[in-house]
PDB file of N, CA and C in Angstrom:
ATOM      1  N   MET A   1     -62.020  79.590  12.788  1.00  0.00           N
ATOM      2  CA  MET A   1     -60.744  78.806  13.130  1.00  0.00           C
ATOM      3  C   MET A   1     -59.745  79.876  13.410  1.00  0.00           C
ATOM      4  N   LYS A   2     -59.226  79.859  14.628  1.00  0.00           N
ATOM      5  CA  LYS A   2     -58.364  80.797  15.147  1.00  0.00           C
ATOM      6  C   LYS A   2     -56.875  80.335  15.005  1.00  0.00           C
ATOM      7  N   ASN A   3     -56.682  79.038  14.967  1.00  0.00           N
ATOM      8  CA  ASN A   3     -55.422  78.479  14.932  1.00  0.00           C
ATOM      9  C   ASN A   3     -55.139  77.752  13.595  1.00  0.00           C
ATOM     10  N   PRO A   4     -54.153  78.150  12.784  1.00  0.00           N
ATOM     11  CA  PRO A   4     -53.825  77.552  11.520  1.00  0.00           C
ATOM     12  C   PRO A   4     -53.170  76.109  11.719  1.00  0.00           C
ATOM     13  N   LEU A   5     -52.808  75.871  12.918  1.00  0.00           N
ATOM     14  CA  LEU A   5     -52.088  74.689  13.130  1.00  0.00           C
ATOM     15  C   LEU A   5     -52.887  73.314  12.747  1.00  0.00           C
ATOM     16  N   TYR A   6     -54.203  73.441  12.904  1.00  0.00           N
ATOM     17  CA  TYR A   6     -55.074  72.355  12.620  1.00  0.00           C
ATOM     18  C   TYR A   6     -55.090  72.119  11.147  1.00  0.00           C
ATOM     19  N   ILE A   7     -55.007  73.107  10.337  1.00  0.00           N
ATOM     20  CA  ILE A   7     -55.000  73.045   8.886  1.00  0.00           C
ATOM     21  C   ILE A   7     -53.701  72.511   8.373  1.00  0.00           C
ATOM     22  N   ILE A   8     -52.749  72.944   9.046  1.00  0.00           N
ATOM     23  CA  ILE A   8     -51.264  72.478   8.693  1.00  0.00           C
ATOM     24  C   ILE A   8     -51.239  70.898   9.023  1.00  0.00           C
ATOM     25  N   LEU A   9     -51.772  70.546  10.048  1.00  0.00           N
ATOM     26  CA  LEU A   9     -51.738  69.076  10.507  1.00  0.00           C
ATOM     27  C   LEU A   9     -52.628  68.253   9.493  1.00  0.00           C
ATOM     28  N   ILE A  10     -53.781  68.778   9.104  1.00  0.00           N
ATOM     29  CA  ILE A  10     -54.580  68.097   8.035  1.00  0.00           C
ATOM     30  C   ILE A  10     -53.795  68.000   6.763  1.00  0.00           C
ATOM     31  N   VAL A  11     -53.164  69.059   6.311  1.00  0.00           N
ATOM     32  CA  VAL A  11     -52.455  69.125   5.040  1.00  0.00           C
ATOM     33  C   VAL A  11     -51.244  68.022   5.136  1.00  0.00           C
ATOM     34  N   LEU A  12     -50.628  68.062   6.286  1.00  0.00           N
ATOM     35  CA  LEU A  12     -49.532  67.117   6.360  1.00  0.00           C
ATOM     36  C   LEU A  12     -50.063  65.567   6.380  1.00  0.00           C
ATOM     37  N   ALA A  13     -51.150  65.319   7.033  1.00  0.00           N
ATOM     38  CA  ALA A  13     -51.681  63.946   6.912  1.00  0.00           C
ATOM     39  C   ALA A  13     -52.163  63.634   5.611  1.00  0.00           C
ATOM     40  N   LEU A  14     -52.741  64.602   4.850  1.00  0.00           N
ATOM     41  CA  LEU A  14     -52.943  64.339   3.384  1.00  0.00           C
ATOM     42  C   LEU A  14     -51.750  64.086   2.538  1.00  0.00           C
ATOM     43  N   ALA A  15     -50.683  64.765   2.831  1.00  0.00           N
ATOM     44  CA  ALA A  15     -49.447  64.532   2.121  1.00  0.00           C
ATOM     45  C   ALA A  15     -48.946  63.098   2.508  1.00  0.00           C
ATOM     46  N   LEU A  16     -49.057  62.752   3.717  1.00  0.00           N
ATOM     47  CA  LEU A  16     -48.619  61.232   4.102  1.00  0.00           C
ATOM     48  C   LEU A  16     -49.427  60.219   3.401  1.00  0.00           C
ATOM     49  N   ILE A  17     -50.693  60.502   3.259  1.00  0.00           N
ATOM     50  CA  ILE A  17     -51.572  59.591   2.556  1.00  0.00           C
ATOM     51  C   ILE A  17     -51.207  59.414   1.203  1.00  0.00           C
ATOM     52  N   THR A  18     -50.854  60.678   0.398  1.00  0.00           N
ATOM     53  CA  THR A  18     -50.327  60.651  -0.910  1.00  0.00           C
ATOM     54  C   THR A  18     -49.029  59.875  -1.071  1.00  0.00           C
ATOM     55  N   TYR A  19     -48.112  60.067  -0.172  1.00  0.00           N
ATOM     56  CA  TYR A  19     -46.827  59.474  -0.228  1.00  0.00           C
ATOM     57  C   TYR A  19     -47.051  57.959   0.047  1.00  0.00           C
ATOM     58  N   ASN A  20     -47.807  57.562   0.917  1.00  0.00           N
ATOM     59  CA  ASN A  20     -47.922  56.087   1.165  1.00  0.00           C
ATOM     60  C   ASN A  20     -48.674  55.349   0.021  1.00  0.00           C
ATOM     61  N   VAL A  21     -49.544  56.096  -0.633  1.00  0.00           N
ATOM     62  CA  VAL A  21     -50.249  55.400  -1.854  1.00  0.00           C
ATOM     63  C   VAL A  21     -49.206  55.143  -2.900  1.00  0.00           C
ATOM     64  N   THR A  22     -48.164  55.949  -2.975  1.00  0.00           N
ATOM     65  CA  THR A  22     -47.130  55.679  -4.003  1.00  0.00           C
ATOM     66  C   THR A  22     -46.268  54.425  -3.561  1.00  0.00           C
ATOM     67  N   LEU A  23     -46.346  54.047  -2.324  1.00  0.00           N
ATOM     68  CA  LEU A  23     -45.478  52.886  -1.833  1.00  0.00           C
ATOM     69  C   LEU A  23     -46.228  51.514  -1.952  1.00  0.00           C
ATOM     70  N   VAL A  24     -47.594  51.628  -2.129  1.00  0.00           N
ATOM     71  CA  VAL A  24     -48.340  50.293  -2.087  1.00  0.00           C
ATOM     72  C   VAL A  24     -48.210  49.607  -3.466  1.00  0.00           C
ATOM     73  N   ASN A  25     -47.819  48.350  -3.395  1.00  0.00           N
ATOM     74  CA  ASN A  25     -47.608  47.505  -4.590  1.00  0.00           C
ATOM     75  C   ASN A  25     -49.157  46.875  -4.765  1.00  0.00           C
ATOM     76  N   PHE A  26     -49.778  47.374  -5.807  1.00  0.00           N
ATOM     77  CA  PHE A  26     -51.240  47.073  -6.041  1.00  0.00           C
ATOM     78  C   PHE A  26     -51.406  45.575  -6.577  1.00  0.00           C
ATOM     79  N   GLU A  27     -50.252  44.900  -6.889  1.00  0.00           N
ATOM     80  CA  GLU A  27     -50.367  43.548  -7.292  1.00  0.00           C
ATOM     81  C   GLU A  27     -50.336  42.650  -6.057  1.00  0.00           C
ATOM     82  N   ASN A  28     -49.620  42.963  -5.013  1.00  0.00           N
ATOM     83  CA  ASN A  28     -49.600  42.319  -3.709  1.00  0.00           C
ATOM     84  C   ASN A  28     -49.625  43.159  -2.638  1.00  0.00           C
ATOM     85  N   PRO A  29     -50.855  43.844  -2.359  1.00  0.00           N
ATOM     86  CA  PRO A  29     -50.947  44.898  -1.379  1.00  0.00           C
ATOM     87  C   PRO A  29     -50.731  44.394  -0.019  1.00  0.00           C
ATOM     88  N   PHE A  30     -50.782  43.201   0.351  1.00  0.00           N
ATOM     89  CA  PHE A  30     -50.749  42.755   1.702  1.00  0.00           C
ATOM     90  C   PHE A  30     -49.384  41.924   2.045  1.00  0.00           C
ATOM     91  N   GLU A  31     -48.374  42.369   1.320  1.00  0.00           N
ATOM     92  CA  GLU A  31     -47.019  41.553   1.461  1.00  0.00           C
ATOM     93  C   GLU A  31     -46.010  42.708   1.407  1.00  0.00           C
ATOM     94  N   GLY A  32     -44.970  42.481   2.261  1.00  0.00           N
ATOM     95  CA  GLY A  32     -43.880  43.322   2.386  1.00  0.00           C
ATOM     96  C   GLY A  32     -44.092  44.655   2.831  1.00  0.00           C
ATOM     97  N   ASP A  33     -43.482  45.738   2.136  1.00  0.00           N
ATOM     98  CA  ASP A  33     -43.518  47.115   2.547  1.00  0.00           C
ATOM     99  C   ASP A  33     -44.984  47.614   2.282  1.00  0.00           C
ATOM    100  N   SER A  34     -45.804  47.016   1.437  1.00  0.00           N
ATOM    101  CA  SER A  34     -47.113  47.463   1.082  1.00  0.00           C
ATOM    102  C   SER A  34     -48.049  47.553   2.316  1.00  0.00           C
ATOM    103  N   ILE A  35     -47.901  46.510   3.196  1.00  0.00           N
ATOM    104  CA  ILE A  35     -48.750  46.485   4.305  1.00  0.00           C
ATOM    105  C   ILE A  35     -48.412  47.690   5.280  1.00  0.00           C
ATOM    106  N   ILE A  36     -47.225  47.985   5.379  1.00  0.00           N
ATOM    107  CA  ILE A  36     -46.774  49.172   6.157  1.00  0.00           C
ATOM    108  C   ILE A  36     -47.260  50.483   5.593  1.00  0.00           C
ATOM    109  N   ALA A  37     -47.344  50.606   4.299  1.00  0.00           N
ATOM    110  CA  ALA A  37     -47.864  51.817   3.659  1.00  0.00           C
ATOM    111  C   ALA A  37     -49.453  51.706   3.849  1.00  0.00           C
ATOM    112  N   ILE A  38     -50.090  50.659   3.836  1.00  0.00           N
ATOM    113  CA  ILE A  38     -51.479  50.684   4.051  1.00  0.00           C
ATOM    114  C   ILE A  38     -51.858  51.101   5.541  1.00  0.00           C
ATOM    115  N   ILE A  39     -50.978  50.601   6.469  1.00  0.00           N
ATOM    116  CA  ILE A  39     -51.119  50.955   7.830  1.00  0.00           C
ATOM    117  C   ILE A  39     -51.029  52.486   7.952  1.00  0.00           C
ATOM    118  N   GLY A  40     -50.014  53.013   7.239  1.00  0.00           N
ATOM    119  CA  GLY A  40     -49.786  54.556   7.291  1.00  0.00           C
ATOM    120  C   GLY A  40     -50.956  55.312   6.699  1.00  0.00           C
ATOM    121  N   ILE A  41     -51.462  54.777   5.699  1.00  0.00           N
ATOM    122  CA  ILE A  41     -52.632  55.359   5.048  1.00  0.00           C
ATOM    123  C   ILE A  41     -53.889  55.442   6.108  1.00  0.00           C
ATOM    124  N   ALA A  42     -54.070  54.330   6.655  1.00  0.00           N
ATOM    125  CA  ALA A  42     -55.204  54.078   7.619  1.00  0.00           C
ATOM    126  C   ALA A  42     -54.926  55.136   8.897  1.00  0.00           C
ATOM    127  N   ALA A  43     -53.748  55.214   9.290  1.00  0.00           N
ATOM    128  CA  ALA A  43     -53.450  56.083  10.492  1.00  0.00           C
ATOM    129  C   ALA A  43     -53.608  57.512  10.004  1.00  0.00           C
ATOM    130  N   SER A  44     -53.080  57.845   8.811  1.00  0.00           N
ATOM    131  CA  SER A  44     -53.362  59.182   8.420  1.00  0.00           C
ATOM    132  C   SER A  44     -54.831  59.601   8.214  1.00  0.00           C
ATOM    133  N   LEU A  45     -55.639  58.631   7.671  1.00  0.00           N
ATOM    134  CA  LEU A  45     -57.091  58.974   7.586  1.00  0.00           C
ATOM    135  C   LEU A  45     -57.622  59.062   8.937  1.00  0.00           C
ATOM    136  N   CYS A  46     -57.280  58.318   9.919  1.00  0.00           N
ATOM    137  CA  CYS A  46     -57.716  58.435  11.176  1.00  0.00           C
ATOM    138  C   CYS A  46     -57.430  59.730  11.933  1.00  0.00           C
ATOM    139  N   ALA A  47     -56.164  60.266  11.500  1.00  0.00           N
ATOM    140  CA  ALA A  47     -55.790  61.643  12.035  1.00  0.00           C
ATOM    141  C   ALA A  47     -56.607  62.732  11.421  1.00  0.00           C
ATOM    142  N   VAL A  48     -56.855  62.719  10.153  1.00  0.00           N
ATOM    143  CA  VAL A  48     -57.675  63.618   9.419  1.00  0.00           C
ATOM    144  C   VAL A  48     -59.172  63.651  10.010  1.00  0.00           C
ATOM    145  N   VAL A  49     -59.688  62.484  10.208  1.00  0.00           N
ATOM    146  CA  VAL A  49     -61.100  62.425  10.781  1.00  0.00           C
ATOM    147  C   VAL A  49     -61.157  62.997  12.124  1.00  0.00           C
ATOM    148  N   LEU A  50     -60.126  62.650  13.034  1.00  0.00           N
ATOM    149  CA  LEU A  50     -60.124  63.252  14.324  1.00  0.00           C
ATOM    150  C   LEU A  50     -59.952  64.700  14.330  1.00  0.00           C
ATOM    151  N   LEU A  51     -59.097  65.189  13.462  1.00  0.00           N
ATOM    152  CA  LEU A  51     -58.975  66.722  13.383  1.00  0.00           C
ATOM    153  C   LEU A  51     -60.191  67.404  12.875  1.00  0.00           C
ATOM    154  N   LEU A  52     -60.869  66.801  11.996  1.00  0.00           N
ATOM    155  CA  LEU A  52     -62.125  67.361  11.535  1.00  0.00           C
ATOM    156  C   LEU A  52     -63.197  67.324  12.517  1.00  0.00           C
ATOM    157  N   ILE A  53     -63.293  66.205  13.431  1.00  0.00           N
ATOM    158  CA  ILE A  53     -64.228  66.128  14.447  1.00  0.00           C
ATOM    159  C   ILE A  53     -63.896  67.217  15.543  1.00  0.00           C
ATOM    160  N   PHE A  54     -62.538  67.438  15.791  1.00  0.00           N
ATOM    161  CA  PHE A  54     -62.078  68.413  16.742  1.00  0.00           C
ATOM    162  C   PHE A  54     -62.690  69.798  16.277  1.00  0.00           C
ATOM    163  N   LEU A  55     -62.379  70.152  15.026  1.00  0.00           N
ATOM    164  CA  LEU A  55     -62.763  71.440  14.519  1.00  0.00           C
ATOM    165  C   LEU A  55     -64.219  71.710  14.576  1.00  0.00           C
ATOM    166  N   THR A  56     -64.981  70.744  14.218  1.00  0.00           N
ATOM    167  CA  THR A  56     -66.429  70.855  14.370  1.00  0.00           C
ATOM    168  C   THR A  56     -66.949  70.960  15.832  1.00  0.00           C
ATOM    169  N   SER A  57     -66.259  70.334  16.586  1.00  0.00           N
ATOM    170  CA  SER A  57     -66.562  70.560  18.125  1.00  0.00           C
ATOM    171  C   SER A  57     -66.322  71.929  18.567  1.00  0.00           C
ATOM    172  N   LYS A  58     -65.100  72.393  18.075  1.00  0.00           N
ATOM    173  CA  LYS A  58     -64.743  73.795  18.397  1.00  0.00           C
ATOM    174  C   LYS A  58     -65.708  74.850  17.996  1.00  0.00           C
ATOM    175  N   LYS A  59     -66.184  74.637  16.786  1.00  0.00           N
ATOM    176  CA  LYS A  59     -67.281  75.476  16.066  1.00  0.00           C
ATOM    177  C   LYS A  59     -68.491  75.494  17.002  1.00  0.00           C
ATOM    178  N   ILE A  60     -69.028  74.296  17.359  1.00  0.00           N
ATOM    179  CA  ILE A  60     -70.201  74.068  18.253  1.00  0.00           C
ATOM    180  C   ILE A  60     -69.963  74.833  19.507  1.00  0.00           C
ATOM    181  N   GLN A  61     -68.765  74.552  20.041  1.00  0.00           N
ATOM    182  CA  GLN A  61     -68.530  75.227  21.322  1.00  0.00           C
ATOM    183  C   GLN A  61     -68.481  76.717  21.305  1.00  0.00           C
ATOM    184  N   ASP A  62     -67.901  77.351  20.183  1.00  0.00           N
ATOM    185  CA  ASP A  62     -67.946  78.683  20.050  1.00  0.00           C
ATOM    186  C   ASP A  62     -69.365  79.304  19.870  1.00  0.00           C
ATOM    187  N   LYS A  63     -70.276  78.598  19.089  1.00  0.00           N
ATOM    188  CA  LYS A  63     -71.694  79.016  19.040  1.00  0.00           C
ATOM    189  C   LYS A  63     -72.477  78.947  20.300  1.00  0.00           C
ATOM    190  N   TYR A  64     -72.102  77.861  21.011  1.00  0.00           N
ATOM    191  CA  TYR A  64     -72.812  77.702  22.338  1.00  0.00           C
ATOM    192  C   TYR A  64     -72.361  78.844  23.328  1.00  0.00           C
ATOM    193  N   ASN A  65     -71.143  79.201  23.282  1.00  0.00           N
ATOM    194  CA  ASN A  65     -70.549  80.131  24.194  1.00  0.00           C
ATOM    195  C   ASN A  65     -71.133  81.562  23.907  1.00  0.00           C
ATOM    196  N   ASN A  66     -71.236  81.814  22.543  1.00  0.00           N
ATOM    197  CA  ASN A  66     -71.723  83.134  22.092  1.00  0.00           C
ATOM    198  C   ASN A  66     -73.285  83.310  22.423  1.00  0.00           C
ATOM    199  N   ASN A  67     -74.052  82.289  22.645  1.00  0.00           N
ATOM    200  CA  ASN A  67     -75.492  82.350  22.971  1.00  0.00           C
ATOM    201  C   ASN A  67     -75.729  82.594  24.549  1.00  0.00           C
ATOM    202  N   ASP A  68     -74.661  82.469  25.381  1.00  0.00           N
ATOM    203  CA  ASP A  68     -74.843  82.752  26.762  1.00  0.00           C
ATOM    204  C   ASP A  68     -74.553  84.141  27.044  1.00  0.00           C
TER     205      ASP A  68
END
C-alpha cells in the first residue's frame, strides 16, 4: 500500500458507523432519525467494502505487473 489515503478513508467510514450506531433508537429503529442513521451505517459499510475491494485489486495488479 503506497497511499495512506485509503486507510484514512476506511478509518473515517468506521468512525461514521460508530457515530451512527449511537444515533439509532433500538426500540423503534425504523422511525424518525433512526432510519437516517441506519442509512448512514449502510452507506459507510458499502464504502468500506468498496475500498477493501479496491485495495485487493491494486495488490493483484501489482503482482501481475511484477511478473511481466
